[in-house]
Amino acid sequence: MKKAAFFDVDGTLVACQSQKKFSDFLFSEKILGVFHILVISCWFAGYRLGLLRSSIGMRRVFYRFLSFDSAERVNNLMIKAYQDLIRPALNLFLKERILGLKKQGYLIVLLSGTLQQFCNLIADEFGADQAFGTRLIVEDGHFRGKWEGDILEGEAKARFVKKYSKANDISLEQSIAYSDSSADLPLLEICGSSVAVNPDPALKTIAQSRSWEILNG
């Protein structure tokens, strides 16, 4: 059977919340208003503090707003936001770790609730084999606030990995999960090895109690 290294994206491979950075970028371009930026900022603060576990409500607000222009223009804005605000926050110290894992035969898989466009760009930077994020549905050339399938967070991320591993003949016992957040505990617990990367306080406590590797950088 094959083995994989599953990497969370926001907070793990990149030292920021990519969708928050995108909203900041849209605000700086005078596309996003004060109300939207306050709602999104409050949600991300609550998520980081562990007070919120579901992002569905915030996503509905934010993704509906992305219908302001064509999907093509929004995609171009995502690329610019990535280059200006997200790429500088990449945790490049993990590049060497990923290179080593690939040499050991691990499939490198990125998993995130962030937008698929950002996942693809980050996957290219780190040389990942596959990346799975939130795919927005295009209707009449615009994003309309809808997305395909489940948002990959919490239990949904673990369910996806189980299904993906079964379909691709991957042994979870031989696989590794990397994350910064206790919200990813369901994923971390189903893999044979788990690594906490710049962990939040809750995950740091869990990682120490279970003798998981902790990476800071």
N, C-alpha and C. Protein backbone atom coordinates (compact mmCIF):
# COMPACT_ATOMS: atom_id res chain seq x y z
N MET A 1 0.83 -1.20 0.00
CA MET A 1 0.00 0.00 0.00
C MET A 1 0.87 1.26 0.00
N LYS A 2 0.29 2.34 -0.49
CA LYS A 2 1.01 3.61 -0.52
C LYS A 2 0.87 4.33 0.82
N LYS A 3 1.67 5.37 0.99
CA LYS A 3 1.59 6.19 2.20
C LYS A 3 1.56 7.66 1.80
N ALA A 4 0.95 8.47 2.65
CA ALA A 4 0.79 9.89 2.32
C ALA A 4 1.12 10.76 3.52
N ALA A 5 1.50 11.99 3.21
CA ALA A 5 1.66 13.02 4.24
C ALA A 5 0.58 14.07 3.95
N PHE A 6 -0.36 14.20 4.87
CA PHE A 6 -1.49 15.13 4.70
C PHE A 6 -1.18 16.43 5.43
N PHE A 7 -1.18 17.53 4.70
CA PHE A 7 -0.85 18.83 5.26
C PHE A 7 -2.06 19.75 5.26
N ASP A 8 -2.37 20.29 6.43
CA ASP A 8 -3.28 21.42 6.51
C ASP A 8 -2.58 22.60 5.84
N VAL A 9 -3.33 23.62 5.43
CA VAL A 9 -2.73 24.75 4.73
C VAL A 9 -2.61 25.98 5.63
N ASP A 10 -3.73 26.62 5.95
CA ASP A 10 -3.69 27.86 6.73
C ASP A 10 -3.17 27.61 8.14
N GLY A 11 -2.13 28.34 8.51
CA GLY A 11 -1.52 28.18 9.82
C GLY A 11 -0.45 27.12 9.85
N THR A 12 -0.43 26.25 8.84
CA THR A 12 0.55 25.16 8.78
C THR A 12 1.58 25.44 7.68
N LEU A 13 1.15 25.39 6.44
CA LEU A 13 2.06 25.70 5.34
C LEU A 13 2.21 27.20 5.12
N VAL A 14 1.24 27.95 5.57
CA VAL A 14 1.30 29.40 5.45
C VAL A 14 0.91 30.02 6.79
N ALA A 15 1.70 30.99 7.24
CA ALA A 15 1.51 31.57 8.57
C ALA A 15 0.45 32.66 8.57
N CYS A 16 -0.71 32.33 8.03
CA CYS A 16 -1.83 33.26 8.02
C CYS A 16 -3.08 32.49 7.64
N GLN A 17 -4.22 33.17 7.70
CA GLN A 17 -5.47 32.62 7.17
C GLN A 17 -5.65 33.21 5.79
N SER A 18 -5.50 32.39 4.75
CA SER A 18 -5.46 32.91 3.39
C SER A 18 -6.73 33.65 2.99
N GLN A 19 -7.89 33.17 3.41
CA GLN A 19 -9.12 33.86 3.05
C GLN A 19 -9.25 35.20 3.78
N LYS A 20 -8.71 35.27 4.99
CA LYS A 20 -8.68 36.56 5.70
C LYS A 20 -7.78 37.54 4.95
N LYS A 21 -6.64 37.05 4.46
CA LYS A 21 -5.75 37.91 3.68
C LYS A 21 -6.43 38.38 2.40
N PHE A 22 -7.21 37.49 1.80
CA PHE A 22 -7.92 37.87 0.58
C PHE A 22 -8.95 38.96 0.88
N SER A 23 -9.64 38.81 2.00
CA SER A 23 -10.62 39.85 2.37
C SER A 23 -9.91 41.17 2.66
N ASP A 24 -8.74 41.11 3.31
CA ASP A 24 -7.96 42.33 3.55
C ASP A 24 -7.57 42.99 2.23
N PHE A 25 -7.18 42.15 1.27
CA PHE A 25 -6.78 42.67 -0.04
C PHE A 25 -7.97 43.35 -0.73
N LEU A 26 -9.13 42.72 -0.69
CA LEU A 26 -10.32 43.31 -1.31
C LEU A 26 -10.71 44.62 -0.63
N PHE A 27 -10.50 44.69 0.67
CA PHE A 27 -10.78 45.93 1.40
C PHE A 27 -9.81 47.03 0.96
N SER A 28 -8.53 46.68 0.83
CA SER A 28 -7.53 47.67 0.42
C SER A 28 -7.78 48.17 -1.00
N GLU A 29 -8.42 47.32 -1.82
CA GLU A 29 -8.75 47.71 -3.19
C GLU A 29 -10.11 48.42 -3.26
N LYS A 30 -10.70 48.66 -2.08
CA LYS A 30 -12.01 49.33 -1.97
C LYS A 30 -13.12 48.53 -2.65
N ILE A 31 -12.97 47.21 -2.62
CA ILE A 31 -14.00 46.33 -3.18
C ILE A 31 -14.88 45.79 -2.06
N LEU A 32 -14.27 45.50 -0.92
CA LEU A 32 -14.99 44.99 0.24
C LEU A 32 -15.24 46.13 1.22
N GLY A 33 -16.45 46.17 1.80
CA GLY A 33 -16.80 47.25 2.71
C GLY A 33 -16.46 46.96 4.16
N VAL A 34 -16.66 47.95 5.01
CA VAL A 34 -16.32 47.84 6.43
C VAL A 34 -17.14 46.74 7.11
N PHE A 35 -18.43 46.63 6.79
CA PHE A 35 -19.28 45.62 7.43
C PHE A 35 -18.73 44.22 7.18
N HIS A 36 -18.42 43.93 5.92
CA HIS A 36 -17.93 42.60 5.59
C HIS A 36 -16.60 42.31 6.27
N ILE A 37 -15.72 43.28 6.29
CA ILE A 37 -14.40 43.05 6.89
C ILE A 37 -14.52 42.82 8.39
N LEU A 38 -15.48 43.49 9.05
CA LEU A 38 -15.68 43.29 10.48
C LEU A 38 -16.23 41.89 10.77
N VAL A 39 -17.20 41.45 9.97
CA VAL A 39 -17.77 40.11 10.15
C VAL A 39 -16.70 39.05 9.97
N ILE A 40 -15.93 39.17 8.91
CA ILE A 40 -14.91 38.17 8.60
C ILE A 40 -13.80 38.19 9.66
N SER A 41 -13.39 39.38 10.08
CA SER A 41 -12.33 39.49 11.09
C SER A 41 -12.76 38.89 12.42
N CYS A 42 -14.00 39.12 12.81
CA CYS A 42 -14.51 38.57 14.07
C CYS A 42 -14.56 37.05 14.01
N TRP A 43 -14.98 36.53 12.86
CA TRP A 43 -15.04 35.07 12.75
C TRP A 43 -13.65 34.46 12.85
N PHE A 44 -12.68 35.01 12.14
CA PHE A 44 -11.34 34.45 12.17
C PHE A 44 -10.72 34.54 13.56
N ALA A 45 -11.00 35.62 14.27
CA ALA A 45 -10.50 35.76 15.63
C ALA A 45 -11.10 34.67 16.52
N GLY A 46 -12.40 34.45 16.39
CA GLY A 46 -13.06 33.41 17.17
C GLY A 46 -12.56 32.03 16.84
N TYR A 47 -12.29 31.79 15.56
CA TYR A 47 -11.77 30.49 15.12
C TYR A 47 -10.38 30.25 15.70
N ARG A 48 -9.54 31.26 15.63
CA ARG A 48 -8.17 31.11 16.12
C ARG A 48 -8.14 30.87 17.62
N LEU A 49 -9.09 31.46 18.34
CA LEU A 49 -9.16 31.29 19.79
C LEU A 49 -9.87 29.99 20.19
N GLY A 50 -10.36 29.26 19.20
CA GLY A 50 -11.04 28.00 19.48
C GLY A 50 -12.48 28.17 19.92
N LEU A 51 -13.04 29.38 19.75
CA LEU A 51 -14.41 29.64 20.18
C LEU A 51 -15.43 29.20 19.13
N LEU A 52 -14.98 29.11 17.87
CA LEU A 52 -15.86 28.71 16.77
C LEU A 52 -15.25 27.53 16.03
N ARG A 53 -16.09 26.58 15.64
CA ARG A 53 -15.61 25.40 14.94
C ARG A 53 -16.13 25.30 13.51
N SER A 54 -17.22 25.99 13.22
CA SER A 54 -17.80 25.92 11.88
C SER A 54 -17.68 27.27 11.18
N SER A 55 -17.29 27.22 9.91
CA SER A 55 -17.11 28.44 9.14
C SER A 55 -18.23 28.67 8.13
N ILE A 56 -19.26 27.83 8.16
CA ILE A 56 -20.27 27.86 7.12
C ILE A 56 -20.95 29.23 7.00
N GLY A 57 -21.35 29.80 8.13
CA GLY A 57 -22.03 31.10 8.09
C GLY A 57 -21.16 32.19 7.49
N MET A 58 -19.90 32.25 7.92
CA MET A 58 -18.99 33.25 7.39
C MET A 58 -18.78 33.06 5.89
N ARG A 59 -18.65 31.82 5.47
CA ARG A 59 -18.42 31.54 4.06
C ARG A 59 -19.60 31.99 3.19
N ARG A 60 -20.81 31.75 3.68
CA ARG A 60 -21.98 32.16 2.90
C ARG A 60 -21.96 33.67 2.66
N VAL A 61 -21.60 34.43 3.70
CA VAL A 61 -21.54 35.89 3.56
C VAL A 61 -20.44 36.29 2.58
N PHE A 62 -19.26 35.74 2.78
CA PHE A 62 -18.10 36.13 1.98
C PHE A 62 -18.23 35.68 0.53
N TYR A 63 -18.61 34.41 0.33
CA TYR A 63 -18.65 33.88 -1.03
C TYR A 63 -19.76 34.52 -1.86
N ARG A 64 -20.88 34.87 -1.22
CA ARG A 64 -21.93 35.57 -1.96
C ARG A 64 -21.42 36.92 -2.46
N PHE A 65 -20.58 37.55 -1.65
CA PHE A 65 -20.05 38.85 -2.04
C PHE A 65 -19.17 38.74 -3.29
N LEU A 66 -18.55 37.58 -3.50
CA LEU A 66 -17.65 37.42 -4.64
C LEU A 66 -18.36 37.43 -5.98
N SER A 67 -19.69 37.56 -5.96
CA SER A 67 -20.44 37.68 -7.21
C SER A 67 -20.39 39.11 -7.75
N PHE A 68 -19.64 40.01 -7.08
CA PHE A 68 -19.60 41.43 -7.49
C PHE A 68 -19.08 41.62 -8.91
N ASP A 69 -18.31 40.65 -9.41
CA ASP A 69 -17.77 40.76 -10.76
C ASP A 69 -17.64 39.35 -11.34
N SER A 70 -17.13 39.24 -12.55
CA SER A 70 -17.01 37.94 -13.20
C SER A 70 -16.05 37.03 -12.43
N ALA A 71 -16.26 35.73 -12.57
CA ALA A 71 -15.37 34.76 -11.93
C ALA A 71 -13.95 34.94 -12.43
N GLU A 72 -13.80 35.30 -13.69
CA GLU A 72 -12.46 35.51 -14.25
C GLU A 72 -11.74 36.65 -13.52
N ARG A 73 -12.44 37.76 -13.28
CA ARG A 73 -11.79 38.88 -12.59
C ARG A 73 -11.49 38.52 -11.14
N VAL A 74 -12.42 37.81 -10.49
CA VAL A 74 -12.18 37.41 -9.10
C VAL A 74 -10.97 36.49 -9.02
N ASN A 75 -10.85 35.57 -9.97
CA ASN A 75 -9.68 34.69 -9.99
C ASN A 75 -8.39 35.48 -10.15
N ASN A 76 -8.41 36.50 -10.99
CA ASN A 76 -7.23 37.34 -11.16
C ASN A 76 -6.89 38.10 -9.87
N LEU A 77 -7.92 38.54 -9.16
CA LEU A 77 -7.70 39.21 -7.88
C LEU A 77 -7.12 38.25 -6.85
N MET A 78 -7.55 36.99 -6.89
CA MET A 78 -6.99 35.99 -5.98
C MET A 78 -5.50 35.81 -6.23
N ILE A 79 -5.11 35.77 -7.49
CA ILE A 79 -3.69 35.61 -7.82
C ILE A 79 -2.88 36.79 -7.30
N LYS A 80 -3.41 37.99 -7.47
CA LYS A 80 -2.70 39.19 -7.00
C LYS A 80 -2.62 39.20 -5.47
N ALA A 81 -3.73 38.82 -4.81
CA ALA A 81 -3.73 38.76 -3.35
C ALA A 81 -2.72 37.73 -2.86
N TYR A 82 -2.63 36.62 -3.57
CA TYR A 82 -1.66 35.58 -3.20
C TYR A 82 -0.24 36.12 -3.29
N GLN A 83 0.08 36.75 -4.41
CA GLN A 83 1.44 37.26 -4.60
C GLN A 83 1.79 38.35 -3.59
N ASP A 84 0.83 39.22 -3.29
CA ASP A 84 1.10 40.37 -2.42
C ASP A 84 1.09 40.03 -0.94
N LEU A 85 0.16 39.18 -0.51
CA LEU A 85 -0.06 38.99 0.93
C LEU A 85 0.14 37.57 1.45
N ILE A 86 -0.13 36.57 0.63
CA ILE A 86 -0.08 35.19 1.13
C ILE A 86 1.28 34.55 0.90
N ARG A 87 1.82 34.71 -0.29
CA ARG A 87 3.11 34.09 -0.60
C ARG A 87 4.21 34.52 0.37
N PRO A 88 4.27 35.80 0.78
CA PRO A 88 5.31 36.18 1.74
C PRO A 88 5.18 35.50 3.10
N ALA A 89 4.01 34.92 3.39
CA ALA A 89 3.78 34.28 4.69
C ALA A 89 3.98 32.76 4.65
N LEU A 90 4.47 32.23 3.53
CA LEU A 90 4.69 30.78 3.45
C LEU A 90 5.72 30.33 4.49
N ASN A 91 5.44 29.20 5.12
CA ASN A 91 6.39 28.61 6.08
C ASN A 91 7.41 27.78 5.29
N LEU A 92 8.39 28.48 4.75
CA LEU A 92 9.33 27.83 3.83
C LEU A 92 10.21 26.79 4.51
N PHE A 93 10.29 26.81 5.84
CA PHE A 93 11.09 25.80 6.53
C PHE A 93 10.53 24.40 6.30
N LEU A 94 9.25 24.32 5.89
CA LEU A 94 8.64 23.02 5.64
C LEU A 94 8.98 22.45 4.26
N LYS A 95 9.59 23.27 3.40
CA LYS A 95 9.97 22.77 2.08
C LYS A 95 10.95 21.61 2.19
N GLU A 96 11.92 21.75 3.08
CA GLU A 96 12.91 20.69 3.26
C GLU A 96 12.25 19.43 3.81
N ARG A 97 11.31 19.60 4.74
CA ARG A 97 10.59 18.46 5.30
C ARG A 97 9.81 17.73 4.19
N ILE A 98 9.13 18.49 3.35
CA ILE A 98 8.34 17.89 2.27
C ILE A 98 9.23 17.19 1.26
N LEU A 99 10.36 17.79 0.94
CA LEU A 99 11.31 17.15 0.02
C LEU A 99 11.78 15.81 0.58
N GLY A 100 12.07 15.79 1.88
CA GLY A 100 12.49 14.54 2.51
C GLY A 100 11.40 13.49 2.49
N LEU A 101 10.17 13.91 2.72
CA LEU A 101 9.04 12.96 2.69
C LEU A 101 8.85 12.38 1.29
N LYS A 102 9.00 13.21 0.28
CA LYS A 102 8.84 12.73 -1.09
C LYS A 102 9.93 11.70 -1.43
N LYS A 103 11.14 11.94 -0.94
CA LYS A 103 12.23 10.99 -1.17
C LYS A 103 11.96 9.65 -0.49
N GLN A 104 11.18 9.71 0.61
CA GLN A 104 10.82 8.48 1.33
C GLN A 104 9.59 7.80 0.73
N GLY A 105 9.05 8.38 -0.34
CA GLY A 105 7.93 7.75 -1.02
C GLY A 105 6.55 8.20 -0.58
N TYR A 106 6.48 9.27 0.20
CA TYR A 106 5.17 9.77 0.63
C TYR A 106 4.52 10.59 -0.48
N LEU A 107 3.22 10.39 -0.65
CA LEU A 107 2.42 11.26 -1.50
C LEU A 107 2.09 12.50 -0.67
N ILE A 108 2.34 13.69 -1.22
CA ILE A 108 2.09 14.93 -0.48
C ILE A 108 0.73 15.48 -0.87
N VAL A 109 -0.17 15.55 0.11
CA VAL A 109 -1.55 15.95 -0.14
C VAL A 109 -1.91 17.13 0.76
N LEU A 110 -2.39 18.21 0.14
CA LEU A 110 -2.82 19.39 0.89
C LEU A 110 -4.33 19.36 1.07
N LEU A 111 -4.78 19.71 2.28
CA LEU A 111 -6.20 19.69 2.62
C LEU A 111 -6.56 20.97 3.33
N SER A 112 -7.59 21.66 2.86
CA SER A 112 -7.93 22.92 3.51
C SER A 112 -9.35 23.35 3.18
N GLY A 113 -9.90 24.15 4.08
CA GLY A 113 -11.18 24.78 3.82
C GLY A 113 -11.03 26.04 2.99
N THR A 114 -9.79 26.47 2.76
CA THR A 114 -9.59 27.68 1.97
C THR A 114 -9.93 27.44 0.51
N LEU A 115 -9.96 28.49 -0.26
CA LEU A 115 -10.35 28.38 -1.66
C LEU A 115 -9.37 27.53 -2.47
N GLN A 116 -9.92 26.76 -3.40
CA GLN A 116 -9.10 25.86 -4.21
C GLN A 116 -8.00 26.61 -4.95
N GLN A 117 -8.29 27.83 -5.37
CA GLN A 117 -7.29 28.61 -6.10
C GLN A 117 -6.04 28.83 -5.25
N PHE A 118 -6.22 29.13 -3.97
CA PHE A 118 -5.07 29.33 -3.09
C PHE A 118 -4.36 28.00 -2.82
N CYS A 119 -5.14 26.93 -2.66
CA CYS A 119 -4.54 25.61 -2.45
C CYS A 119 -3.62 25.24 -3.62
N ASN A 120 -4.09 25.50 -4.84
CA ASN A 120 -3.29 25.16 -6.01
C ASN A 120 -1.98 25.94 -6.06
N LEU A 121 -2.06 27.23 -5.76
CA LEU A 121 -0.85 28.06 -5.78
C LEU A 121 0.15 27.62 -4.72
N ILE A 122 -0.35 27.30 -3.53
CA ILE A 122 0.52 26.86 -2.44
C ILE A 122 1.09 25.48 -2.74
N ALA A 123 0.28 24.62 -3.34
CA ALA A 123 0.76 23.29 -3.72
C ALA A 123 1.93 23.39 -4.70
N ASP A 124 1.84 24.32 -5.64
CA ASP A 124 2.93 24.53 -6.59
C ASP A 124 4.20 24.97 -5.88
N GLU A 125 4.06 25.82 -4.88
CA GLU A 125 5.23 26.32 -4.14
C GLU A 125 5.96 25.18 -3.41
N PHE A 126 5.19 24.26 -2.86
CA PHE A 126 5.78 23.21 -2.03
C PHE A 126 5.98 21.89 -2.78
N GLY A 127 5.58 21.84 -4.03
CA GLY A 127 5.75 20.61 -4.80
C GLY A 127 4.83 19.50 -4.36
N ALA A 128 3.63 19.85 -3.92
CA ALA A 128 2.66 18.83 -3.48
C ALA A 128 2.11 18.07 -4.67
N ASP A 129 1.70 16.84 -4.42
CA ASP A 129 1.14 16.00 -5.48
C ASP A 129 -0.31 16.34 -5.77
N GLN A 130 -1.08 16.63 -4.72
CA GLN A 130 -2.48 16.97 -4.89
C GLN A 130 -2.89 17.99 -3.83
N ALA A 131 -3.92 18.76 -4.16
CA ALA A 131 -4.43 19.75 -3.21
C ALA A 131 -5.95 19.80 -3.30
N PHE A 132 -6.59 19.80 -2.14
CA PHE A 132 -8.04 19.81 -2.09
C PHE A 132 -8.50 20.96 -1.20
N GLY A 133 -9.30 21.86 -1.77
CA GLY A 133 -9.83 22.99 -1.03
C GLY A 133 -11.29 23.20 -1.36
N THR A 134 -11.77 24.41 -1.17
CA THR A 134 -13.16 24.74 -1.44
C THR A 134 -13.30 25.20 -2.89
N ARG A 135 -14.08 24.45 -3.65
CA ARG A 135 -14.30 24.77 -5.06
C ARG A 135 -15.61 25.54 -5.21
N LEU A 136 -15.50 26.79 -5.59
CA LEU A 136 -16.70 27.60 -5.79
C LEU A 136 -17.36 27.25 -7.12
N ILE A 137 -18.68 27.23 -7.11
CA ILE A 137 -19.45 26.92 -8.32
C ILE A 137 -19.65 28.19 -9.13
N VAL A 138 -19.42 28.08 -10.43
CA VAL A 138 -19.61 29.21 -11.34
C VAL A 138 -20.95 29.06 -12.05
N GLU A 139 -21.77 30.10 -11.98
CA GLU A 139 -23.05 30.13 -12.69
C GLU A 139 -23.12 31.41 -13.52
N ASP A 140 -23.33 31.25 -14.81
CA ASP A 140 -23.40 32.41 -15.71
C ASP A 140 -22.16 33.30 -15.59
N GLY A 141 -21.02 32.65 -15.44
CA GLY A 141 -19.76 33.40 -15.41
C GLY A 141 -19.43 34.07 -14.10
N HIS A 142 -20.24 33.81 -13.04
CA HIS A 142 -20.01 34.44 -11.74
C HIS A 142 -20.03 33.39 -10.62
N PHE A 143 -19.30 33.69 -9.54
CA PHE A 143 -19.44 32.91 -8.32
C PHE A 143 -20.71 33.40 -7.62
N ARG A 144 -21.55 32.47 -7.16
CA ARG A 144 -22.83 32.84 -6.57
C ARG A 144 -22.95 32.44 -5.10
N GLY A 145 -21.83 32.20 -4.45
CA GLY A 145 -21.88 31.87 -3.03
C GLY A 145 -22.08 30.40 -2.75
N LYS A 146 -22.00 29.55 -3.78
CA LYS A 146 -22.17 28.11 -3.60
C LYS A 146 -20.84 27.40 -3.81
N TRP A 147 -20.72 26.23 -3.22
CA TRP A 147 -19.50 25.46 -3.38
C TRP A 147 -19.82 23.97 -3.51
N GLU A 148 -18.83 23.23 -4.01
CA GLU A 148 -19.00 21.80 -4.21
C GLU A 148 -18.68 21.03 -2.94
N GLY A 149 -19.50 20.05 -2.59
CA GLY A 149 -19.20 19.14 -1.50
C GLY A 149 -19.06 19.79 -0.14
N ASP A 150 -18.34 19.09 0.73
CA ASP A 150 -18.15 19.56 2.11
C ASP A 150 -16.96 20.52 2.20
N ILE A 151 -17.03 21.42 3.16
CA ILE A 151 -15.87 22.24 3.51
C ILE A 151 -14.92 21.35 4.30
N LEU A 152 -13.66 21.30 3.91
CA LEU A 152 -12.71 20.40 4.56
C LEU A 152 -12.18 21.01 5.85
N GLU A 153 -12.95 20.83 6.91
CA GLU A 153 -12.55 21.26 8.24
C GLU A 153 -13.10 20.26 9.25
N GLY A 154 -12.40 20.11 10.36
CA GLY A 154 -12.86 19.23 11.43
C GLY A 154 -13.13 17.80 10.98
N GLU A 155 -14.28 17.27 11.37
CA GLU A 155 -14.65 15.90 11.05
C GLU A 155 -14.74 15.66 9.55
N ALA A 156 -15.18 16.68 8.80
CA ALA A 156 -15.31 16.53 7.35
C ALA A 156 -13.95 16.27 6.70
N LYS A 157 -12.91 16.88 7.23
CA LYS A 157 -11.57 16.66 6.68
C LYS A 157 -11.13 15.22 6.92
N ALA A 158 -11.41 14.70 8.10
CA ALA A 158 -11.05 13.32 8.42
C ALA A 158 -11.85 12.34 7.55
N ARG A 159 -13.13 12.61 7.35
CA ARG A 159 -13.95 11.74 6.50
C ARG A 159 -13.41 11.72 5.07
N PHE A 160 -13.03 12.89 4.59
CA PHE A 160 -12.48 12.97 3.23
C PHE A 160 -11.21 12.14 3.11
N VAL A 161 -10.33 12.24 4.10
CA VAL A 161 -9.06 11.51 4.06
C VAL A 161 -9.30 10.00 4.09
N LYS A 162 -10.25 9.55 4.89
CA LYS A 162 -10.57 8.12 4.92
C LYS A 162 -11.04 7.64 3.55
N LYS A 163 -11.93 8.40 2.94
CA LYS A 163 -12.47 8.03 1.63
C LYS A 163 -11.38 8.10 0.56
N TYR A 164 -10.59 9.15 0.59
CA TYR A 164 -9.50 9.33 -0.37
C TYR A 164 -8.47 8.21 -0.25
N SER A 165 -8.13 7.86 0.98
CA SER A 165 -7.12 6.82 1.21
C SER A 165 -7.61 5.46 0.72
N LYS A 166 -8.87 5.17 0.97
CA LYS A 166 -9.43 3.89 0.51
C LYS A 166 -9.42 3.82 -1.02
N ALA A 167 -9.78 4.93 -1.67
CA ALA A 167 -9.85 4.95 -3.13
C ALA A 167 -8.47 4.88 -3.78
N ASN A 168 -7.44 5.32 -3.05
CA ASN A 168 -6.09 5.39 -3.63
C ASN A 168 -5.11 4.40 -3.01
N ASP A 169 -5.65 3.41 -2.29
CA ASP A 169 -4.83 2.34 -1.71
C ASP A 169 -3.72 2.90 -0.81
N ILE A 170 -4.11 3.84 0.05
CA ILE A 170 -3.18 4.47 0.98
C ILE A 170 -3.41 3.92 2.38
N SER A 171 -2.34 3.55 3.04
CA SER A 171 -2.41 3.07 4.42
C SER A 171 -2.37 4.26 5.37
N LEU A 172 -3.44 4.48 6.12
CA LEU A 172 -3.45 5.57 7.09
C LEU A 172 -2.47 5.29 8.22
N GLU A 173 -2.28 4.02 8.55
CA GLU A 173 -1.35 3.67 9.62
C GLU A 173 0.08 4.09 9.27
N GLN A 174 0.41 4.07 7.99
CA GLN A 174 1.75 4.46 7.55
C GLN A 174 1.83 5.93 7.15
N SER A 175 0.74 6.65 7.27
CA SER A 175 0.69 8.04 6.83
C SER A 175 0.89 9.02 7.98
N ILE A 176 1.12 10.28 7.62
CA ILE A 176 1.41 11.33 8.59
C ILE A 176 0.47 12.52 8.35
N ALA A 177 0.02 13.14 9.42
CA ALA A 177 -0.81 14.35 9.31
C ALA A 177 -0.09 15.52 9.97
N TYR A 178 -0.14 16.68 9.31
CA TYR A 178 0.49 17.90 9.81
C TYR A 178 -0.58 18.98 9.96
N SER A 179 -0.63 19.62 11.12
CA SER A 179 -1.59 20.71 11.32
C SER A 179 -1.14 21.62 12.45
N ASP A 180 -1.71 22.83 12.44
CA ASP A 180 -1.43 23.81 13.50
C ASP A 180 -2.57 23.92 14.50
N SER A 181 -3.72 23.31 14.18
CA SER A 181 -4.94 23.61 14.94
C SER A 181 -5.58 22.38 15.58
N SER A 182 -6.09 22.58 16.77
CA SER A 182 -6.83 21.50 17.45
C SER A 182 -8.11 21.16 16.70
N ALA A 183 -8.57 22.06 15.82
CA ALA A 183 -9.75 21.77 15.00
C ALA A 183 -9.50 20.58 14.08
N ASP A 184 -8.23 20.29 13.81
CA ASP A 184 -7.87 19.17 12.93
C ASP A 184 -7.59 17.89 13.71
N LEU A 185 -7.96 17.84 14.96
CA LEU A 185 -7.72 16.65 15.77
C LEU A 185 -8.31 15.38 15.13
N PRO A 186 -9.52 15.43 14.54
CA PRO A 186 -10.04 14.22 13.89
C PRO A 186 -9.11 13.67 12.82
N LEU A 187 -8.46 14.56 12.06
CA LEU A 187 -7.49 14.12 11.05
C LEU A 187 -6.23 13.58 11.71
N LEU A 188 -5.72 14.30 12.68
CA LEU A 188 -4.48 13.89 13.34
C LEU A 188 -4.61 12.52 14.00
N GLU A 189 -5.80 12.21 14.47
CA GLU A 189 -6.00 10.96 15.21
C GLU A 189 -6.16 9.74 14.32
N ILE A 190 -6.44 9.92 13.03
CA ILE A 190 -6.64 8.75 12.18
C ILE A 190 -5.37 8.33 11.45
N CYS A 191 -4.31 9.14 11.54
CA CYS A 191 -3.06 8.79 10.87
C CYS A 191 -2.10 8.14 11.86
N GLY A 192 -1.21 7.32 11.33
CA GLY A 192 -0.26 6.62 12.18
C GLY A 192 0.68 7.54 12.92
N SER A 193 1.02 8.68 12.30
CA SER A 193 1.89 9.67 12.93
C SER A 193 1.27 11.05 12.76
N SER A 194 1.49 11.90 13.76
CA SER A 194 0.92 13.25 13.71
C SER A 194 1.99 14.26 14.11
N VAL A 195 1.97 15.42 13.44
CA VAL A 195 2.94 16.47 13.71
C VAL A 195 2.20 17.79 13.90
N ALA A 196 2.49 18.47 15.00
CA ALA A 196 1.89 19.78 15.28
C ALA A 196 2.86 20.85 14.80
N VAL A 197 2.39 21.73 13.91
CA VAL A 197 3.23 22.77 13.33
C VAL A 197 2.79 24.13 13.88
N ASN A 198 3.69 24.81 14.58
CA ASN A 198 3.32 26.08 15.21
C ASN A 198 1.93 25.97 15.85
N PRO A 199 1.75 25.00 16.74
CA PRO A 199 0.40 24.67 17.21
C PRO A 199 -0.25 25.73 18.08
N ASP A 200 -1.59 25.77 18.00
CA ASP A 200 -2.33 26.62 18.92
C ASP A 200 -2.22 26.00 20.31
N PRO A 201 -2.56 26.75 21.37
CA PRO A 201 -2.36 26.24 22.74
C PRO A 201 -3.00 24.88 23.00
N ALA A 202 -4.22 24.69 22.50
CA ALA A 202 -4.91 23.42 22.74
C ALA A 202 -4.18 22.26 22.07
N LEU A 203 -3.77 22.46 20.82
CA LEU A 203 -3.07 21.38 20.11
C LEU A 203 -1.70 21.13 20.72
N LYS A 204 -1.04 22.17 21.17
CA LYS A 204 0.28 21.99 21.79
C LYS A 204 0.17 21.10 23.03
N THR A 205 -0.85 21.34 23.83
CA THR A 205 -1.06 20.53 25.04
C THR A 205 -1.32 19.07 24.67
N ILE A 206 -2.16 18.86 23.66
CA ILE A 206 -2.48 17.50 23.22
C ILE A 206 -1.24 16.82 22.66
N ALA A 207 -0.49 17.54 21.82
CA ALA A 207 0.71 16.97 21.20
C ALA A 207 1.73 16.56 22.26
N GLN A 208 1.91 17.39 23.27
CA GLN A 208 2.86 17.07 24.34
C GLN A 208 2.40 15.84 25.12
N SER A 209 1.11 15.75 25.39
CA SER A 209 0.59 14.63 26.17
C SER A 209 0.68 13.31 25.41
N ARG A 210 0.69 13.39 24.07
CA ARG A 210 0.71 12.17 23.25
C ARG A 210 2.08 11.94 22.60
N SER A 211 3.04 12.77 22.96
CA SER A 211 4.41 12.66 22.43
C SER A 211 4.47 12.79 20.92
N TRP A 212 3.61 13.66 20.36
CA TRP A 212 3.68 13.95 18.93
C TRP A 212 4.82 14.93 18.68
N GLU A 213 5.37 14.87 17.50
CA GLU A 213 6.41 15.82 17.13
C GLU A 213 5.81 17.22 17.03
N ILE A 214 6.55 18.21 17.50
CA ILE A 214 6.13 19.61 17.41
C ILE A 214 7.19 20.38 16.62
N LEU A 215 6.75 21.05 15.56
CA LEU A 215 7.65 21.87 14.74
C LEU A 215 7.31 23.33 14.91
N ASN A 216 8.31 24.15 15.16
CA ASN A 216 8.11 25.59 15.25
C ASN A 216 9.08 26.26 14.28
N GLY A 217 8.58 27.24 13.57
CA GLY A 217 9.46 27.90 12.62
C GLY A 217 8.83 29.18 12.10
